[in-house]
N, C-alpha and C. Protein backbone atom coordinates (compact mmCIF):
# COMPACT_ATOMS: atom_id res chain seq x y z
N UNK A 1 0.09 -21.07 -37.83
CA UNK A 1 -0.38 -19.87 -37.21
C UNK A 1 -0.23 -19.98 -35.64
N UNK A 2 -0.33 -21.21 -35.14
CA UNK A 2 -0.21 -21.42 -33.73
C UNK A 2 1.21 -21.18 -33.31
N UNK A 3 2.21 -21.52 -34.10
CA UNK A 3 3.67 -21.18 -33.71
C UNK A 3 4.03 -19.69 -33.78
N UNK A 4 3.33 -19.00 -34.73
CA UNK A 4 3.48 -17.61 -34.92
C UNK A 4 2.95 -16.89 -33.67
N UNK A 5 1.80 -17.21 -33.17
CA UNK A 5 1.27 -16.60 -32.01
C UNK A 5 2.10 -16.84 -30.71
N UNK A 6 2.61 -18.11 -30.58
CA UNK A 6 3.43 -18.37 -29.50
C UNK A 6 4.75 -17.56 -29.59
N UNK A 7 5.29 -17.47 -30.82
CA UNK A 7 6.53 -16.74 -30.95
C UNK A 7 6.29 -15.25 -30.54
N UNK A 8 5.10 -14.76 -31.00
CA UNK A 8 4.93 -13.23 -30.77
C UNK A 8 4.57 -13.13 -29.19
N UNK A 9 3.99 -14.11 -28.58
CA UNK A 9 3.65 -13.91 -27.17
C UNK A 9 4.96 -13.95 -26.34
N UNK A 10 5.83 -14.90 -26.75
CA UNK A 10 7.19 -15.11 -26.09
C UNK A 10 8.05 -13.86 -26.34
N UNK A 11 7.94 -13.12 -27.54
CA UNK A 11 8.69 -11.91 -27.71
C UNK A 11 8.18 -10.79 -26.86
N UNK A 12 6.89 -10.71 -26.75
CA UNK A 12 6.10 -9.76 -25.95
C UNK A 12 6.62 -9.84 -24.50
N UNK A 13 6.60 -11.02 -23.99
CA UNK A 13 7.00 -11.19 -22.57
C UNK A 13 8.45 -10.86 -22.33
N UNK A 14 9.31 -11.21 -23.33
CA UNK A 14 10.71 -10.88 -23.05
C UNK A 14 10.91 -9.36 -23.06
N UNK A 15 10.14 -8.68 -24.02
CA UNK A 15 10.27 -7.24 -23.92
C UNK A 15 9.75 -6.58 -22.63
N UNK A 16 8.61 -7.09 -22.18
CA UNK A 16 7.99 -6.64 -20.98
C UNK A 16 9.06 -6.87 -19.64
N UNK A 17 9.73 -8.04 -19.63
CA UNK A 17 10.61 -8.25 -18.63
C UNK A 17 11.81 -7.42 -18.63
N UNK A 18 12.27 -6.92 -19.80
CA UNK A 18 13.39 -6.04 -19.92
C UNK A 18 13.00 -4.54 -19.69
N UNK A 19 11.77 -4.17 -20.09
CA UNK A 19 11.30 -2.81 -20.02
C UNK A 19 10.88 -2.47 -18.56
N UNK A 20 10.16 -3.30 -17.92
CA UNK A 20 9.62 -2.98 -16.50
C UNK A 20 10.58 -2.55 -15.64
N UNK A 21 11.71 -3.27 -15.39
CA UNK A 21 12.68 -2.86 -14.34
C UNK A 21 13.34 -1.43 -14.69
N UNK A 22 13.34 -1.10 -15.88
CA UNK A 22 13.98 0.18 -16.32
C UNK A 22 13.15 1.41 -15.90
N UNK A 23 11.87 1.14 -15.62
CA UNK A 23 11.00 2.31 -15.28
C UNK A 23 11.28 2.77 -13.87
N UNK A 24 11.40 3.97 -13.62
CA UNK A 24 11.77 4.55 -12.28
C UNK A 24 10.56 4.64 -11.48
N UNK A 25 10.63 4.29 -10.19
CA UNK A 25 9.40 4.56 -9.30
C UNK A 25 9.23 6.00 -9.12
N UNK A 26 7.98 6.48 -9.08
CA UNK A 26 7.60 7.85 -8.97
C UNK A 26 7.25 8.22 -7.52
N UNK A 27 7.72 9.42 -7.03
CA UNK A 27 7.33 9.86 -5.71
C UNK A 27 5.69 9.73 -5.63
N UNK A 28 5.32 9.51 -4.37
CA UNK A 28 3.94 9.43 -4.24
C UNK A 28 3.38 8.06 -4.44
N UNK A 29 4.12 7.05 -4.96
CA UNK A 29 3.69 5.65 -5.13
C UNK A 29 4.37 4.90 -4.08
N UNK A 30 4.53 5.24 -2.92
CA UNK A 30 5.19 4.47 -1.85
C UNK A 30 6.71 4.73 -1.94
N UNK A 31 7.26 5.55 -2.66
CA UNK A 31 8.62 5.80 -2.78
C UNK A 31 8.94 7.33 -2.69
N UNK A 32 8.98 7.87 -1.47
CA UNK A 32 9.16 9.30 -1.19
C UNK A 32 10.46 9.71 -1.81
N UNK A 33 10.51 11.02 -2.25
CA UNK A 33 11.72 11.52 -2.89
C UNK A 33 12.68 12.04 -1.70
N UNK A 34 12.11 12.40 -0.55
CA UNK A 34 12.81 12.94 0.48
C UNK A 34 12.32 12.13 1.81
N UNK A 35 13.25 11.62 2.56
CA UNK A 35 12.95 11.05 3.89
C UNK A 35 13.52 12.01 4.90
N UNK A 36 12.78 12.46 5.84
CA UNK A 36 13.24 13.33 7.10
C UNK A 36 13.10 12.42 8.27
N UNK A 37 14.26 12.14 8.89
CA UNK A 37 14.15 11.28 10.19
C UNK A 37 14.74 12.20 11.32
N UNK A 38 14.01 12.14 12.37
CA UNK A 38 14.42 12.75 13.58
C UNK A 38 14.63 11.59 14.67
N UNK A 39 15.89 11.42 15.12
CA UNK A 39 16.07 10.40 16.01
C UNK A 39 16.34 11.00 17.41
N UNK A 40 15.83 10.40 18.48
CA UNK A 40 15.91 10.98 19.79
C UNK A 40 15.94 9.68 20.75
N UNK A 41 16.81 9.75 21.85
CA UNK A 41 16.77 8.74 22.90
C UNK A 41 15.63 8.90 23.92
N UNK A 42 15.54 8.05 24.82
CA UNK A 42 14.47 8.14 25.93
C UNK A 42 14.64 9.51 26.62
N UNK A 43 15.87 9.75 27.11
CA UNK A 43 16.19 10.94 27.81
C UNK A 43 16.21 11.98 26.83
N UNK A 44 15.39 13.12 27.18
CA UNK A 44 15.20 14.26 26.15
C UNK A 44 15.40 15.43 26.77
N UNK A 45 16.13 16.46 26.15
CA UNK A 45 16.32 17.76 26.66
C UNK A 45 15.39 18.79 25.86
N UNK A 46 15.34 19.96 26.45
CA UNK A 46 14.44 21.00 25.89
C UNK A 46 14.73 21.29 24.37
N UNK A 47 16.00 21.44 24.02
CA UNK A 47 16.45 21.61 22.71
C UNK A 47 15.96 20.48 21.77
N UNK A 48 16.13 19.28 22.22
CA UNK A 48 15.84 18.07 21.48
C UNK A 48 14.30 18.10 21.18
N UNK A 49 13.47 18.31 22.21
CA UNK A 49 12.01 18.36 22.07
C UNK A 49 11.61 19.66 21.14
N UNK A 50 12.24 20.73 21.21
CA UNK A 50 12.10 21.96 20.39
C UNK A 50 12.22 21.62 18.92
N UNK A 51 13.50 20.84 18.63
CA UNK A 51 13.62 20.52 17.12
C UNK A 51 12.58 19.66 16.63
N UNK A 52 12.16 18.64 17.40
CA UNK A 52 11.07 17.88 17.00
C UNK A 52 9.72 18.62 16.76
N UNK A 53 9.34 19.43 17.66
CA UNK A 53 8.15 20.14 17.58
C UNK A 53 8.20 21.25 16.38
N UNK A 54 9.28 21.91 16.27
CA UNK A 54 9.37 22.89 15.26
C UNK A 54 9.42 22.20 13.83
N UNK A 55 10.09 21.04 13.75
CA UNK A 55 10.18 20.45 12.42
C UNK A 55 8.78 19.79 12.11
N UNK A 56 8.13 19.21 13.12
CA UNK A 56 6.85 18.73 12.88
C UNK A 56 5.77 19.73 12.43
N UNK A 57 5.77 20.85 13.12
CA UNK A 57 4.93 22.00 12.70
C UNK A 57 5.21 22.43 11.26
N UNK A 58 6.50 22.52 10.82
CA UNK A 58 6.90 22.91 9.60
C UNK A 58 6.37 21.95 8.57
N UNK A 59 6.46 20.70 8.89
CA UNK A 59 5.98 19.62 7.89
C UNK A 59 4.48 19.77 7.72
N UNK A 60 3.77 20.00 8.82
CA UNK A 60 2.32 20.09 8.84
C UNK A 60 1.78 21.42 8.12
N UNK A 61 2.59 22.45 8.04
CA UNK A 61 2.14 23.67 7.49
C UNK A 61 2.73 23.80 6.12
N UNK A 62 4.05 23.87 6.06
CA UNK A 62 4.73 24.31 4.74
C UNK A 62 4.85 23.16 3.78
N UNK A 63 4.86 22.00 4.28
CA UNK A 63 4.93 20.73 3.31
C UNK A 63 3.91 19.69 3.46
N UNK A 64 2.77 20.19 3.83
CA UNK A 64 1.62 19.25 4.01
C UNK A 64 1.26 18.64 2.71
N UNK A 65 1.18 19.39 1.56
CA UNK A 65 0.99 18.87 0.22
C UNK A 65 1.95 17.81 -0.12
N UNK A 66 3.22 18.06 0.12
CA UNK A 66 4.21 17.05 -0.30
C UNK A 66 4.14 15.74 0.44
N UNK A 67 3.78 15.87 1.82
CA UNK A 67 3.58 14.73 2.58
C UNK A 67 2.36 14.02 2.20
N UNK A 68 1.33 14.72 1.79
CA UNK A 68 0.06 13.98 1.40
C UNK A 68 0.32 13.18 -0.02
N UNK A 69 1.04 13.81 -0.75
CA UNK A 69 1.39 13.26 -2.16
C UNK A 69 2.42 12.18 -2.00
N UNK A 70 3.11 12.16 -0.87
CA UNK A 70 4.14 11.02 -0.78
C UNK A 70 5.51 11.45 -1.22
N UNK A 71 5.72 12.68 -1.52
CA UNK A 71 6.96 13.19 -1.95
C UNK A 71 8.01 13.19 -0.80
N UNK A 72 7.46 13.67 0.45
CA UNK A 72 8.18 13.71 1.60
C UNK A 72 7.57 12.69 2.54
N UNK A 73 8.47 12.07 3.34
CA UNK A 73 8.08 11.30 4.46
C UNK A 73 8.87 11.74 5.74
N UNK A 74 8.11 12.08 6.78
CA UNK A 74 8.65 12.55 8.00
C UNK A 74 8.39 11.59 9.11
N UNK A 75 9.59 11.17 9.79
CA UNK A 75 9.29 10.29 10.94
C UNK A 75 10.18 10.69 12.12
N UNK A 76 9.59 10.61 13.29
CA UNK A 76 10.34 10.87 14.56
C UNK A 76 10.43 9.47 15.08
N UNK A 77 11.76 9.03 15.38
CA UNK A 77 12.06 7.62 15.95
C UNK A 77 12.73 7.76 17.20
N UNK A 78 12.34 6.88 18.20
CA UNK A 78 13.07 6.88 19.47
C UNK A 78 14.22 5.87 19.16
N UNK A 79 15.48 6.18 19.20
CA UNK A 79 16.60 5.45 19.00
C UNK A 79 16.86 4.44 20.21
N UNK A 80 16.16 4.62 21.30
CA UNK A 80 16.36 3.70 22.43
C UNK A 80 15.32 2.55 22.22
N UNK A 81 14.28 2.70 21.43
CA UNK A 81 13.22 1.73 21.22
C UNK A 81 13.88 0.58 20.42
N UNK A 82 13.72 -0.69 20.93
CA UNK A 82 14.22 -1.89 20.31
C UNK A 82 13.57 -2.11 18.93
N UNK A 83 12.33 -1.53 18.75
CA UNK A 83 11.54 -1.74 17.48
C UNK A 83 12.28 -0.97 16.32
N UNK A 84 13.04 0.02 16.72
CA UNK A 84 13.84 0.89 15.73
C UNK A 84 15.23 0.37 15.55
N UNK A 85 15.72 -0.66 16.19
CA UNK A 85 17.09 -1.14 16.13
C UNK A 85 17.64 -1.12 14.76
N UNK A 86 16.92 -1.66 13.89
CA UNK A 86 17.47 -1.83 12.57
C UNK A 86 17.78 -0.56 11.85
N UNK A 87 16.90 0.36 11.89
CA UNK A 87 17.11 1.70 11.23
C UNK A 87 18.21 2.57 12.04
N UNK A 88 18.33 2.31 13.34
CA UNK A 88 19.39 3.02 14.12
C UNK A 88 20.64 2.45 13.67
N UNK A 89 20.70 1.15 13.59
CA UNK A 89 22.03 0.51 13.16
C UNK A 89 22.41 0.90 11.70
N UNK A 90 21.41 0.98 10.83
CA UNK A 90 21.61 1.39 9.45
C UNK A 90 22.30 2.70 9.32
N UNK A 91 21.84 3.56 10.02
CA UNK A 91 22.24 5.02 10.03
C UNK A 91 23.25 5.39 11.10
N UNK A 92 23.70 4.39 11.85
CA UNK A 92 24.59 4.55 12.90
C UNK A 92 24.37 5.67 13.86
N UNK A 93 23.18 5.60 14.34
CA UNK A 93 22.72 6.75 15.28
C UNK A 93 23.24 6.46 16.68
N UNK A 94 23.84 7.44 17.16
CA UNK A 94 24.32 7.37 18.53
C UNK A 94 23.83 8.59 19.43
N UNK A 95 23.26 9.63 18.94
CA UNK A 95 22.74 10.65 19.56
C UNK A 95 21.57 11.25 18.81
N UNK A 96 20.93 12.41 19.33
CA UNK A 96 19.81 13.10 18.47
C UNK A 96 20.40 13.44 17.21
N UNK A 97 19.55 13.13 16.22
CA UNK A 97 20.04 13.25 14.77
C UNK A 97 18.79 13.65 13.90
N UNK A 98 19.13 14.75 13.11
CA UNK A 98 18.09 15.23 12.11
C UNK A 98 18.73 14.93 10.83
N UNK A 99 18.18 14.01 9.99
CA UNK A 99 18.67 13.55 8.70
C UNK A 99 17.67 13.97 7.55
N UNK A 100 18.14 14.51 6.56
CA UNK A 100 17.40 14.62 5.33
C UNK A 100 18.01 13.56 4.38
N UNK A 101 17.30 12.65 3.85
CA UNK A 101 17.83 11.51 2.99
C UNK A 101 17.15 11.51 1.61
N UNK A 102 17.97 11.73 0.54
CA UNK A 102 17.54 11.58 -0.77
C UNK A 102 17.99 10.36 -1.39
N UNK A 103 17.48 9.95 -2.46
CA UNK A 103 18.12 8.90 -3.24
C UNK A 103 18.60 9.38 -4.60
N UNK A 104 19.88 9.22 -4.80
CA UNK A 104 20.41 9.71 -6.10
C UNK A 104 21.14 8.59 -6.72
N UNK A 105 20.72 8.34 -8.06
CA UNK A 105 21.23 7.24 -8.77
C UNK A 105 21.22 5.91 -8.04
N UNK A 106 20.08 5.69 -7.34
CA UNK A 106 19.83 4.43 -6.38
C UNK A 106 20.55 4.33 -5.35
N UNK A 107 21.28 5.53 -4.86
CA UNK A 107 22.07 5.52 -3.68
C UNK A 107 21.50 6.60 -2.67
N UNK A 108 21.43 6.16 -1.47
CA UNK A 108 20.88 7.11 -0.37
C UNK A 108 22.03 8.16 0.00
N UNK A 109 21.73 9.41 -0.11
CA UNK A 109 22.54 10.50 0.30
C UNK A 109 21.99 11.12 1.59
N UNK A 110 22.75 11.19 2.63
CA UNK A 110 22.35 11.67 3.93
C UNK A 110 22.81 13.09 4.11
N UNK A 111 21.92 13.94 4.42
CA UNK A 111 22.36 15.23 4.84
C UNK A 111 22.01 15.45 6.35
N UNK A 112 23.12 15.44 7.15
CA UNK A 112 22.96 15.46 8.60
C UNK A 112 22.89 16.89 8.96
N UNK A 113 21.81 17.50 9.47
CA UNK A 113 21.74 18.92 9.80
C UNK A 113 21.43 18.98 11.35
N UNK A 114 21.92 18.02 12.01
CA UNK A 114 21.81 18.00 13.58
C UNK A 114 22.50 19.25 14.19
N UNK A 115 23.70 19.61 13.75
CA UNK A 115 24.50 20.50 14.39
C UNK A 115 23.74 21.83 14.19
N UNK A 116 23.38 22.09 12.97
CA UNK A 116 22.59 23.35 12.62
C UNK A 116 21.35 23.35 13.48
N UNK A 117 20.59 22.32 13.61
CA UNK A 117 19.39 22.31 14.35
C UNK A 117 19.66 22.63 15.88
N UNK A 118 20.67 21.93 16.42
CA UNK A 118 21.00 22.28 17.87
C UNK A 118 21.46 23.63 17.99
N UNK A 119 22.17 24.27 17.16
CA UNK A 119 22.71 25.59 17.23
C UNK A 119 21.63 26.62 17.21
N UNK A 120 20.59 26.39 16.46
CA UNK A 120 19.71 27.56 16.12
C UNK A 120 18.26 27.34 16.57
N UNK A 121 17.84 26.05 16.80
CA UNK A 121 16.38 25.81 17.11
C UNK A 121 15.82 26.64 18.23
N UNK A 122 16.61 26.80 19.26
CA UNK A 122 16.11 27.55 20.45
C UNK A 122 16.71 28.96 20.47
N UNK A 123 17.93 29.20 20.10
CA UNK A 123 18.49 30.46 20.09
C UNK A 123 18.04 31.33 18.99
N UNK A 124 17.74 30.84 17.83
CA UNK A 124 17.23 31.64 16.80
C UNK A 124 16.31 30.78 15.96
N UNK A 125 15.01 30.59 16.39
CA UNK A 125 14.08 29.80 15.81
C UNK A 125 13.79 30.05 14.32
N UNK A 126 13.75 31.42 14.04
CA UNK A 126 13.60 31.76 12.62
C UNK A 126 14.67 31.30 11.68
N UNK A 127 15.96 31.50 12.07
CA UNK A 127 17.04 30.91 11.41
C UNK A 127 16.90 29.52 11.14
N UNK A 128 16.47 28.65 12.18
CA UNK A 128 16.38 27.34 12.06
C UNK A 128 15.39 27.00 11.05
N UNK A 129 14.22 27.60 11.19
CA UNK A 129 13.02 27.32 10.27
C UNK A 129 13.51 27.67 8.82
N UNK A 130 14.03 28.71 8.62
CA UNK A 130 14.43 29.21 7.28
C UNK A 130 15.46 28.25 6.71
N UNK A 131 16.49 27.86 7.61
CA UNK A 131 17.50 27.05 6.97
C UNK A 131 17.02 25.58 6.78
N UNK A 132 16.10 25.10 7.56
CA UNK A 132 15.47 23.71 7.36
C UNK A 132 14.74 23.80 6.07
N UNK A 133 13.86 24.88 5.98
CA UNK A 133 13.00 24.94 4.74
C UNK A 133 13.91 24.94 3.55
N UNK A 134 15.05 25.74 3.60
CA UNK A 134 15.87 25.77 2.35
C UNK A 134 16.48 24.54 2.01
N UNK A 135 16.94 23.75 3.12
CA UNK A 135 17.60 22.39 2.85
C UNK A 135 16.57 21.41 2.29
N UNK A 136 15.24 21.50 2.79
CA UNK A 136 14.18 20.68 2.25
C UNK A 136 13.97 21.02 0.69
N UNK A 137 13.75 22.32 0.45
CA UNK A 137 13.57 22.66 -1.00
C UNK A 137 14.74 22.26 -1.81
N UNK A 138 15.85 22.34 -1.46
CA UNK A 138 17.08 21.95 -2.19
C UNK A 138 17.00 20.50 -2.49
N UNK A 139 16.65 19.77 -1.38
CA UNK A 139 16.63 18.15 -1.48
C UNK A 139 15.54 17.81 -2.54
N UNK A 140 14.44 18.51 -2.55
CA UNK A 140 13.36 18.20 -3.45
C UNK A 140 13.58 18.51 -5.04
N UNK A 141 14.75 19.25 -5.29
CA UNK A 141 14.99 19.61 -6.59
C UNK A 141 15.44 18.44 -7.46
């Protein structure tokens, strides 16, 4: 009987070892589905500041539920700050950048919407907001 229990316990452990890694992490458990990064240097222009402010307000109003649930993570990072050197290097940041990053099949997919942001944030704020919202909703699908 003792051998039988040891055999069953061993089989159960083998099964657990093979099943556990196959489970996908769920958003809200420390694994956001969408990462939104806005990178800026020390020297900031009015458009740069406007992109940050508008994006932050949208996150706080239109996507507060998703941020609270952990589905979206929004960060503003100073690319000149040495504390951010690793992430700046990882994403090859050289200027102000607005990225929406999703993970598809275990691989990060970057959507760089910086040009769109700089083109419309001050000249047509409503177009910027609606375009940003559309991109975020698309990324969450």
